[in-house]
PDB file of N, CA and C in Angstrom:
ATOM      1  N   UNK A   1     111.501  84.243  96.792  1.00  0.00           N
ATOM      2  CA  UNK A   1     111.176  85.608  96.437  1.00  0.00           C
ATOM      3  C   UNK A   1     112.474  86.391  96.288  1.00  0.00           C
ATOM      4  N   UNK A   2     112.518  87.277  95.315  1.00  0.00           N
ATOM      5  CA  UNK A   2     113.702  88.095  95.083  1.00  0.00           C
ATOM      6  C   UNK A   2     113.568  89.446  95.774  1.00  0.00           C
ATOM      7  N   UNK A   3     114.691  89.922  96.300  1.00  0.00           N
ATOM      8  CA  UNK A   3     114.736  91.205  96.992  1.00  0.00           C
ATOM      9  C   UNK A   3     115.870  92.045  96.435  1.00  0.00           C
ATOM     10  N   UNK A   4     115.675  93.344  96.407  1.00  0.00           N
ATOM     11  CA  UNK A   4     116.760  94.282  96.131  1.00  0.00           C
ATOM     12  C   UNK A   4     117.285  94.738  97.489  1.00  0.00           C
ATOM     13  N   UNK A   5     118.588  94.616  97.713  1.00  0.00           N
ATOM     14  CA  UNK A   5     119.193  94.965  98.995  1.00  0.00           C
ATOM     15  C   UNK A   5     119.551  96.455  99.008  1.00  0.00           C
ATOM     16  N   UNK A   6     119.158  97.153 100.068  1.00  0.00           N
ATOM     17  CA  UNK A   6     119.465  98.579 100.248  1.00  0.00           C
ATOM     18  C   UNK A   6     120.347  98.727 101.488  1.00  0.00           C
ATOM     19  N   UNK A   7     121.577  99.215 101.285  1.00  0.00           N
ATOM     20  CA  UNK A   7     122.512  99.371 102.401  1.00  0.00           C
ATOM     21  C   UNK A   7     122.913 100.824 102.643  1.00  0.00           C
ATOM     22  N   UNK A   8     122.778 101.678 101.641  1.00  0.00           N
ATOM     23  CA  UNK A   8     123.203 103.070 101.804  1.00  0.00           C
ATOM     24  C   UNK A   8     122.055 103.915 102.353  1.00  0.00           C
ATOM     25  N   UNK A   9     122.409 105.030 102.968  1.00  0.00           N
ATOM     26  CA  UNK A   9     121.379 105.936 103.491  1.00  0.00           C
ATOM     27  C   UNK A   9     120.455 106.405 102.369  1.00  0.00           C
ATOM     28  N   UNK A  10     121.022 106.727 101.209  1.00  0.00           N
ATOM     29  CA  UNK A  10     120.212 107.204 100.094  1.00  0.00           C
ATOM     30  C   UNK A  10     119.245 106.121  99.613  1.00  0.00           C
ATOM     31  N   UNK A  11     119.728 104.894  99.421  1.00  0.00           N
ATOM     32  CA  UNK A  11     118.840 103.835  98.924  1.00  0.00           C
ATOM     33  C   UNK A  11     117.735 103.523  99.928  1.00  0.00           C
ATOM     34  N   UNK A  12     118.033 103.629 101.225  1.00  0.00           N
ATOM     35  CA  UNK A  12     116.999 103.389 102.233  1.00  0.00           C
ATOM     36  C   UNK A  12     116.006 104.547 102.287  1.00  0.00           C
ATOM     37  N   UNK A  13     116.495 105.784 102.155  1.00  0.00           N
ATOM     38  CA  UNK A  13     115.588 106.931 102.147  1.00  0.00           C
ATOM     39  C   UNK A  13     114.661 106.864 100.935  1.00  0.00           C
ATOM     40  N   UNK A  14     115.227 106.560  99.783  1.00  0.00           N
ATOM     41  CA  UNK A  14     114.439 106.526  98.548  1.00  0.00           C
ATOM     42  C   UNK A  14     113.468 105.357  98.557  1.00  0.00           C
ATOM     43  N   UNK A  15     113.919 104.189  98.991  1.00  0.00           N
ATOM     44  CA  UNK A  15     113.041 103.026  99.074  1.00  0.00           C
ATOM     45  C   UNK A  15     112.247 102.805  97.809  1.00  0.00           C
ATOM     46  N   UNK A  16     110.932 102.813  97.922  1.00  0.00           N
ATOM     47  CA  UNK A  16     110.049 102.571  96.782  1.00  0.00           C
ATOM     48  C   UNK A  16     109.465 103.853  96.185  1.00  0.00           C
ATOM     49  N   UNK A  17     110.002 105.017  96.569  1.00  0.00           N
ATOM     50  CA  UNK A  17     109.482 106.273  96.012  1.00  0.00           C
ATOM     51  C   UNK A  17     109.627 106.276  94.492  1.00  0.00           C
ATOM     52  N   UNK A  18     108.565 106.644  93.814  1.00  0.00           N
ATOM     53  CA  UNK A  18     108.538 106.777  92.353  1.00  0.00           C
ATOM     54  C   UNK A  18     108.950 105.497  91.626  1.00  0.00           C
ATOM     55  N   UNK A  19     108.780 104.341  92.238  1.00  0.00           N
ATOM     56  CA  UNK A  19     109.221 103.109  91.585  1.00  0.00           C
ATOM     57  C   UNK A  19     108.049 102.173  91.338  1.00  0.00           C
ATOM     58  N   UNK A  20     108.350 101.129  90.601  1.00  0.00           N
ATOM     59  CA  UNK A  20     107.363 100.085  90.350  1.00  0.00           C
ATOM     60  C   UNK A  20     107.395  99.103  91.510  1.00  0.00           C
ATOM     61  N   UNK A  21     106.436  98.219  91.499  1.00  0.00           N
ATOM     62  CA  UNK A  21     106.323  97.247  92.586  1.00  0.00           C
ATOM     63  C   UNK A  21     107.514  96.290  92.553  1.00  0.00           C
ATOM     64  N   UNK A  22     108.263  96.278  93.641  1.00  0.00           N
ATOM     65  CA  UNK A  22     109.385  95.352  93.822  1.00  0.00           C
ATOM     66  C   UNK A  22     109.556  95.143  95.315  1.00  0.00           C
ATOM     67  N   UNK A  23     110.406  94.227  95.680  1.00  0.00           N
ATOM     68  CA  UNK A  23     110.643  93.910  97.089  1.00  0.00           C
ATOM     69  C   UNK A  23     112.016  94.424  97.496  1.00  0.00           C
ATOM     70  N   UNK A  24     112.065  95.109  98.634  1.00  0.00           N
ATOM     71  CA  UNK A  24     113.321  95.666  99.133  1.00  0.00           C
ATOM     72  C   UNK A  24     113.655  95.093 100.498  1.00  0.00           C
ATOM     73  N   UNK A  25     114.947  94.975 100.778  1.00  0.00           N
ATOM     74  CA  UNK A  25     115.456  94.665 102.114  1.00  0.00           C
ATOM     75  C   UNK A  25     116.378  95.804 102.519  1.00  0.00           C
ATOM     76  N   UNK A  26     116.103  96.421 103.661  1.00  0.00           N
ATOM     77  CA  UNK A  26     116.986  97.440 104.216  1.00  0.00           C
ATOM     78  C   UNK A  26     117.887  96.765 105.241  1.00  0.00           C
ATOM     79  N   UNK A  27     119.189  96.970 105.103  1.00  0.00           N
ATOM     80  CA  UNK A  27     120.172  96.415 106.029  1.00  0.00           C
ATOM     81  C   UNK A  27     120.685  97.567 106.891  1.00  0.00           C
ATOM     82  N   UNK A  28     120.368  97.527 108.179  1.00  0.00           N
ATOM     83  CA  UNK A  28     120.755  98.599 109.100  1.00  0.00           C
ATOM     84  C   UNK A  28     122.055  98.247 109.812  1.00  0.00           C
ATOM     85  N   UNK A  29     122.761  99.255 110.285  1.00  0.00           N
ATOM     86  CA  UNK A  29     124.038  99.018 110.958  1.00  0.00           C
ATOM     87  C   UNK A  29     123.867  98.391 112.336  1.00  0.00           C
ATOM     88  N   UNK A  30     122.706  98.597 112.953  1.00  0.00           N
ATOM     89  CA  UNK A  30     122.421  97.987 114.258  1.00  0.00           C
ATOM     90  C   UNK A  30     120.912  97.890 114.437  1.00  0.00           C
ATOM     91  N   UNK A  31     120.483  97.084 115.391  1.00  0.00           N
ATOM     92  CA  UNK A  31     119.054  96.971 115.673  1.00  0.00           C
ATOM     93  C   UNK A  31     118.560  98.277 116.277  1.00  0.00           C
ATOM     94  N   UNK A  32     117.418  98.758 115.787  1.00  0.00           N
ATOM     95  CA  UNK A  32     116.839  99.992 116.312  1.00  0.00           C
ATOM     96  C   UNK A  32     115.368 100.091 115.917  1.00  0.00           C
ATOM     97  N   UNK A  33     114.662 101.021 116.548  1.00  0.00           N
ATOM     98  CA  UNK A  33     113.288 101.335 116.164  1.00  0.00           C
ATOM     99  C   UNK A  33     113.344 101.994 114.786  1.00  0.00           C
ATOM    100  N   UNK A  34     112.438 101.606 113.907  1.00  0.00           N
ATOM    101  CA  UNK A  34     112.471 102.067 112.522  1.00  0.00           C
ATOM    102  C   UNK A  34     111.274 102.971 112.232  1.00  0.00           C
ATOM    103  N   UNK A  35     111.532 104.103 111.608  1.00  0.00           N
ATOM    104  CA  UNK A  35     110.471 104.972 111.110  1.00  0.00           C
ATOM    105  C   UNK A  35     110.422 104.878 109.593  1.00  0.00           C
ATOM    106  N   UNK A  36     109.255 104.556 109.051  1.00  0.00           N
ATOM    107  CA  UNK A  36     109.089 104.431 107.599  1.00  0.00           C
ATOM    108  C   UNK A  36     108.128 105.495 107.088  1.00  0.00           C
ATOM    109  N   UNK A  37     108.388 105.970 105.879  1.00  0.00           N
ATOM    110  CA  UNK A  37     107.439 106.866 105.221  1.00  0.00           C
ATOM    111  C   UNK A  37     107.045 106.258 103.883  1.00  0.00           C
ATOM    112  N   UNK A  38     105.859 106.580 103.444  1.00  0.00           N
ATOM    113  CA  UNK A  38     105.353 106.105 102.154  1.00  0.00           C
ATOM    114  C   UNK A  38     105.118 107.291 101.216  1.00  0.00           C
ATOM    115  N   UNK A  39     105.936 108.330 101.376  1.00  0.00           N
ATOM    116  CA  UNK A  39     105.816 109.510 100.525  1.00  0.00           C
ATOM    117  C   UNK A  39     106.218 109.143  99.099  1.00  0.00           C
ATOM    118  N   UNK A  40     105.362 109.457  98.151  1.00  0.00           N
ATOM    119  CA  UNK A  40     105.563 109.163  96.733  1.00  0.00           C
ATOM    120  C   UNK A  40     105.689 107.673  96.440  1.00  0.00           C
ATOM    121  N   UNK A  41     105.114 106.852  97.291  1.00  0.00           N
ATOM    122  CA  UNK A  41     104.935 105.424  96.999  1.00  0.00           C
ATOM    123  C   UNK A  41     103.450 105.292  96.689  1.00  0.00           C
ATOM    124  N   UNK A  42     103.130 104.808  95.510  1.00  0.00           N
ATOM    125  CA  UNK A  42     101.755 104.874  95.016  1.00  0.00           C
ATOM    126  C   UNK A  42     100.991 103.558  95.122  1.00  0.00           C
ATOM    127  N   UNK A  43     101.470 102.638  95.937  1.00  0.00           N
ATOM    128  CA  UNK A  43     100.798 101.353  96.119  1.00  0.00           C
ATOM    129  C   UNK A  43     101.041 100.878  97.545  1.00  0.00           C
ATOM    130  N   UNK A  44     100.113 100.089  98.106  1.00  0.00           N
ATOM    131  CA  UNK A  44     100.301  99.588  99.473  1.00  0.00           C
ATOM    132  C   UNK A  44     101.345  98.473  99.512  1.00  0.00           C
ATOM    133  N   UNK A  45     101.984  98.333 100.663  1.00  0.00           N
ATOM    134  CA  UNK A  45     102.989  97.281 100.847  1.00  0.00           C
ATOM    135  C   UNK A  45     102.784  96.606 102.197  1.00  0.00           C
ATOM    136  N   UNK A  46     103.395  95.443 102.331  1.00  0.00           N
ATOM    137  CA  UNK A  46     103.527  94.794 103.628  1.00  0.00           C
ATOM    138  C   UNK A  46     104.964  95.017 104.084  1.00  0.00           C
ATOM    139  N   UNK A  47     105.159  95.195 105.377  1.00  0.00           N
ATOM    140  CA  UNK A  47     106.497  95.438 105.917  1.00  0.00           C
ATOM    141  C   UNK A  47     106.800  94.387 106.975  1.00  0.00           C
ATOM    142  N   UNK A  48     107.965  93.760 106.840  1.00  0.00           N
ATOM    143  CA  UNK A  48     108.435  92.780 107.818  1.00  0.00           C
ATOM    144  C   UNK A  48     109.643  93.367 108.528  1.00  0.00           C
ATOM    145  N   UNK A  49     109.626  93.334 109.837  1.00  0.00           N
ATOM    146  CA  UNK A  49     110.763  93.775 110.643  1.00  0.00           C
ATOM    147  C   UNK A  49     111.457  92.522 111.149  1.00  0.00           C
ATOM    148  N   UNK A  50     112.772  92.432 110.908  1.00  0.00           N
ATOM    149  CA  UNK A  50     113.540  91.226 111.213  1.00  0.00           C
ATOM    150  C   UNK A  50     114.624  91.520 112.238  1.00  0.00           C
ATOM    151  N   UNK A  51     114.920  90.525 113.060  1.00  0.00           N
ATOM    152  CA  UNK A  51     116.020  90.668 114.015  1.00  0.00           C
ATOM    153  C   UNK A  51     117.346  90.327 113.342  1.00  0.00           C
ATOM    154  N   UNK A  52     118.427  90.299 114.107  1.00  0.00           N
ATOM    155  CA  UNK A  52     119.759  90.042 113.544  1.00  0.00           C
ATOM    156  C   UNK A  52     119.890  88.643 112.959  1.00  0.00           C
ATOM    157  N   UNK A  53     118.987  87.726 113.334  1.00  0.00           N
ATOM    158  CA  UNK A  53     118.995  86.364 112.801  1.00  0.00           C
ATOM    159  C   UNK A  53     118.055  86.201 111.612  1.00  0.00           C
ATOM    160  N   UNK A  54     117.518  87.316 111.110  1.00  0.00           N
ATOM    161  CA  UNK A  54     116.610  87.360 109.961  1.00  0.00           C
ATOM    162  C   UNK A  54     115.268  86.688 110.242  1.00  0.00           C
ATOM    163  N   UNK A  55     114.857  86.716 111.504  1.00  0.00           N
ATOM    164  CA  UNK A  55     113.545  86.182 111.890  1.00  0.00           C
ATOM    165  C   UNK A  55     112.566  87.342 112.043  1.00  0.00           C
ATOM    166  N   UNK A  56     111.332  87.108 111.610  1.00  0.00           N
ATOM    167  CA  UNK A  56     110.304  88.146 111.668  1.00  0.00           C
ATOM    168  C   UNK A  56     109.915  88.403 113.120  1.00  0.00           C
ATOM    169  N   UNK A  57     110.026  89.668 113.533  1.00  0.00           N
ATOM    170  CA  UNK A  57     109.641  90.045 114.896  1.00  0.00           C
ATOM    171  C   UNK A  57     108.419  90.964 114.911  1.00  0.00           C
ATOM    172  N   UNK A  58     108.063  91.495 113.731  1.00  0.00           N
ATOM    173  CA  UNK A  58     106.887  92.371 113.637  1.00  0.00           C
ATOM    174  C   UNK A  58     106.433  92.408 112.184  1.00  0.00           C
ATOM    175  N   UNK A  59     105.129  92.457 111.980  1.00  0.00           N
ATOM    176  CA  UNK A  59     104.545  92.529 110.641  1.00  0.00           C
ATOM    177  C   UNK A  59     103.574  93.702 110.592  1.00  0.00           C
ATOM    178  N   UNK A  60     103.720  94.542 109.580  1.00  0.00           N
ATOM    179  CA  UNK A  60     102.752  95.613 109.325  1.00  0.00           C
ATOM    180  C   UNK A  60     102.174  95.361 107.936  1.00  0.00           C
ATOM    181  N   UNK A  61     100.915  94.962 107.889  1.00  0.00           N
ATOM    182  CA  UNK A  61     100.280  94.652 106.610  1.00  0.00           C
ATOM    183  C   UNK A  61      99.586  95.882 106.042  1.00  0.00           C
ATOM    184  N   UNK A  62      99.612  95.959 104.719  1.00  0.00           N
ATOM    185  CA  UNK A  62      98.833  96.942 103.972  1.00  0.00           C
ATOM    186  C   UNK A  62      99.143  98.393 104.373  1.00  0.00           C
ATOM    187  N   UNK A  63     100.426  98.722 104.431  1.00  0.00           N
ATOM    188  CA  UNK A  63     100.828 100.103 104.706  1.00  0.00           C
ATOM    189  C   UNK A  63     100.460 100.947 103.483  1.00  0.00           C
ATOM    190  N   UNK A  64      99.656 101.944 103.690  1.00  0.00           N
ATOM    191  CA  UNK A  64      99.050 102.729 102.604  1.00  0.00           C
ATOM    192  C   UNK A  64      99.995 103.814 102.071  1.00  0.00           C
ATOM    193  N   UNK A  65      99.807 104.188 100.789  1.00  0.00           N
ATOM    194  CA  UNK A  65     100.586 105.289 100.216  1.00  0.00           C
ATOM    195  C   UNK A  65     100.447 106.567 101.046  1.00  0.00           C
ATOM    196  N   UNK A  66     101.529 107.331 101.114  1.00  0.00           N
ATOM    197  CA  UNK A  66     101.599 108.624 101.792  1.00  0.00           C
ATOM    198  C   UNK A  66     101.316 108.535 103.292  1.00  0.00           C
ATOM    199  N   UNK A  67     101.614 107.390 103.889  1.00  0.00           N
ATOM    200  CA  UNK A  67     101.438 107.240 105.340  1.00  0.00           C
ATOM    201  C   UNK A  67     102.809 107.090 106.005  1.00  0.00           C
ATOM    202  N   UNK A  68     102.795 107.015 107.325  1.00  0.00           N
ATOM    203  CA  UNK A  68     104.013 106.849 108.125  1.00  0.00           C
ATOM    204  C   UNK A  68     103.792 105.703 109.098  1.00  0.00           C
ATOM    205  N   UNK A  69     104.889 105.061 109.506  1.00  0.00           N
ATOM    206  CA  UNK A  69     104.783 103.978 110.487  1.00  0.00           C
ATOM    207  C   UNK A  69     106.072 103.921 111.297  1.00  0.00           C
ATOM    208  N   UNK A  70     105.946 103.694 112.589  1.00  0.00           N
ATOM    209  CA  UNK A  70     107.102 103.498 113.468  1.00  0.00           C
ATOM    210  C   UNK A  70     106.991 102.106 114.068  1.00  0.00           C
ATOM    211  N   UNK A  71     108.063 101.331 113.942  1.00  0.00           N
ATOM    212  CA  UNK A  71     108.039  99.954 114.446  1.00  0.00           C
ATOM    213  C   UNK A  71     107.883  99.940 115.964  1.00  0.00           C
ATOM    214  N   UNK A  72     107.299  98.872 116.443  1.00  0.00           N
ATOM    215  CA  UNK A  72     107.125  98.686 117.884  1.00  0.00           C
ATOM    216  C   UNK A  72     108.327  97.969 118.498  1.00  0.00           C
ATOM    217  N   UNK A  73     109.141  97.360 117.640  1.00  0.00           N
ATOM    218  CA  UNK A  73     110.302  96.586 118.074  1.00  0.00           C
ATOM    219  C   UNK A  73     111.554  97.081 117.364  1.00  0.00           C
ATOM    220  N   UNK A  74     112.705  96.851 117.974  1.00  0.00           N
ATOM    221  CA  UNK A  74     113.976  97.145 117.321  1.00  0.00           C
ATOM    222  C   UNK A  74     114.236  96.077 116.266  1.00  0.00           C
ATOM    223  N   UNK A  75     114.713  96.508 115.091  1.00  0.00           N
ATOM    224  CA  UNK A  75     114.972  95.584 113.989  1.00  0.00           C
ATOM    225  C   UNK A  75     116.335  95.863 113.373  1.00  0.00           C
ATOM    226  N   UNK A  76     116.943  94.829 112.810  1.00  0.00           N
ATOM    227  CA  UNK A  76     118.213  94.936 112.086  1.00  0.00           C
ATOM    228  C   UNK A  76     117.966  95.007 110.573  1.00  0.00           C
ATOM    229  N   UNK A  77     116.875  94.366 110.124  1.00  0.00           N
ATOM    230  CA  UNK A  77     116.503  94.337 108.712  1.00  0.00           C
ATOM    231  C   UNK A  77     115.030  94.710 108.576  1.00  0.00           C
ATOM    232  N   UNK A  78     114.701  95.334 107.447  1.00  0.00           N
ATOM    233  CA  UNK A  78     113.307  95.656 107.134  1.00  0.00           C
ATOM    234  C   UNK A  78     113.048  95.182 105.710  1.00  0.00           C
ATOM    235  N   UNK A  79     111.978  94.414 105.520  1.00  0.00           N
ATOM    236  CA  UNK A  79     111.577  93.966 104.186  1.00  0.00           C
ATOM    237  C   UNK A  79     110.305  94.700 103.786  1.00  0.00           C
ATOM    238  N   UNK A  80     110.357  95.387 102.654  1.00  0.00           N
ATOM    239  CA  UNK A  80     109.169  96.019 102.081  1.00  0.00           C
ATOM    240  C   UNK A  80     108.725  95.151 100.916  1.00  0.00           C
ATOM    241  N   UNK A  81     107.494  94.665 100.997  1.00  0.00           N
ATOM    242  CA  UNK A  81     107.013  93.694 100.020  1.00  0.00           C
ATOM    243  C   UNK A  81     105.796  94.254  99.297  1.00  0.00           C
ATOM    244  N   UNK A  82     105.882  94.313  97.979  1.00  0.00           N
ATOM    245  CA  UNK A  82     104.766  94.797  97.171  1.00  0.00           C
ATOM    246  C   UNK A  82     103.547  93.916  97.413  1.00  0.00           C
ATOM    247  N   UNK A  83     102.403  94.541  97.505  1.00  0.00           N
ATOM    248  CA  UNK A  83     101.171  93.844  97.884  1.00  0.00           C
ATOM    249  C   UNK A  83     100.873  92.651  96.977  1.00  0.00           C
ATOM    250  N   UNK A  84     101.148  92.759  95.691  1.00  0.00           N
ATOM    251  CA  UNK A  84     100.834  91.663  94.783  1.00  0.00           C
ATOM    252  C   UNK A  84     101.828  90.510  94.886  1.00  0.00           C
ATOM    253  N   UNK A  85     102.884  90.670  95.688  1.00  0.00           N
ATOM    254  CA  UNK A  85     103.906  89.632  95.806  1.00  0.00           C
ATOM    255  C   UNK A  85     103.942  89.008  97.190  1.00  0.00           C
ATOM    256  N   UNK A  86     102.983  89.339  98.007  1.00  0.00           N
ATOM    257  CA  UNK A  86     103.040  88.882  99.388  1.00  0.00           C
ATOM    258  C   UNK A  86     102.604  87.428  99.527  1.00  0.00           C
ATOM    259  N   UNK A  87     102.959  86.862 100.640  1.00  0.00           N
ATOM    260  CA  UNK A  87     102.470  85.557 101.057  1.00  0.00           C
ATOM    261  C   UNK A  87     102.123  85.672 102.531  1.00  0.00           C
ATOM    262  N   UNK A  88     101.694  84.606 103.116  1.00  0.00           N
ATOM    263  CA  UNK A  88     101.322  84.644 104.537  1.00  0.00           C
ATOM    264  C   UNK A  88     102.564  84.435 105.394  1.00  0.00           C
ATOM    265  N   UNK A  89     103.123  85.522 105.882  1.00  0.00           N
ATOM    266  CA  UNK A  89     104.289  85.464 106.754  1.00  0.00           C
ATOM    267  C   UNK A  89     103.838  85.295 108.194  1.00  0.00           C
ATOM    268  N   UNK A  90     104.708  84.679 109.004  1.00  0.00           N
ATOM    269  CA  UNK A  90     104.390  84.450 110.414  1.00  0.00           C
ATOM    270  C   UNK A  90     105.526  84.976 111.289  1.00  0.00           C
ATOM    271  N   UNK A  91     105.160  85.462 112.474  1.00  0.00           N
ATOM    272  CA  UNK A  91     106.177  85.864 113.448  1.00  0.00           C
ATOM    273  C   UNK A  91     107.092  84.677 113.725  1.00  0.00           C
ATOM    274  N   UNK A  92     108.385  84.934 113.813  1.00  0.00           N
ATOM    275  CA  UNK A  92     109.359  83.880 114.073  1.00  0.00           C
ATOM    276  C   UNK A  92     109.889  83.213 112.818  1.00  0.00           C
ATOM    277  N   UNK A  93     109.228  83.410 111.687  1.00  0.00           N
ATOM    278  CA  UNK A  93     109.675  82.822 110.425  1.00  0.00           C
ATOM    279  C   UNK A  93     110.980  83.482 109.989  1.00  0.00           C
ATOM    280  N   UNK A  94     111.899  82.677 109.444  1.00  0.00           N
ATOM    281  CA  UNK A  94     113.176  83.202 108.962  1.00  0.00           C
ATOM    282  C   UNK A  94     113.051  83.534 107.478  1.00  0.00           C
ATOM    283  N   UNK A  95     113.541  84.714 107.104  1.00  0.00           N
ATOM    284  CA  UNK A  95     113.507  85.164 105.712  1.00  0.00           C
ATOM    285  C   UNK A  95     114.892  84.947 105.113  1.00  0.00           C
ATOM    286  N   UNK A  96     114.933  84.300 103.961  1.00  0.00           N
ATOM    287  CA  UNK A  96     116.199  83.978 103.315  1.00  0.00           C
ATOM    288  C   UNK A  96     116.521  85.022 102.244  1.00  0.00           C
ATOM    289  N   UNK A  97     117.606  85.739 102.426  1.00  0.00           N
ATOM    290  CA  UNK A  97     118.123  86.664 101.423  1.00  0.00           C
ATOM    291  C   UNK A  97     119.621  86.768 101.638  1.00  0.00           C
ATOM    292  N   UNK A  98     120.329  87.166 100.586  1.00  0.00           N
ATOM    293  CA  UNK A  98     121.789  87.288 100.702  1.00  0.00           C
ATOM    294  C   UNK A  98     122.228  88.719 100.550  1.00  0.00           C
TER     295      UNK A  98
END
């Protein structure tokens, strides 16, 4: 699966707002609790929270447009996956991206 990498504050804030369905990876400077918003995102997504080793530590499926979510775990990476591009992810699974 292909991902667009977001490293800047602006690219992470903007995320999928006003965009077409694509997959994003947010790269954070350190592991922390993550707050996500779906403002001006017009389609549901799945969200994967990853640790520093790129292993899934939390999954939020079907996050709805114009909603908010706060992770239950500290994460170093966040993957936002368009609903039509998802697969069955499992906790502990390693996600490969560069």
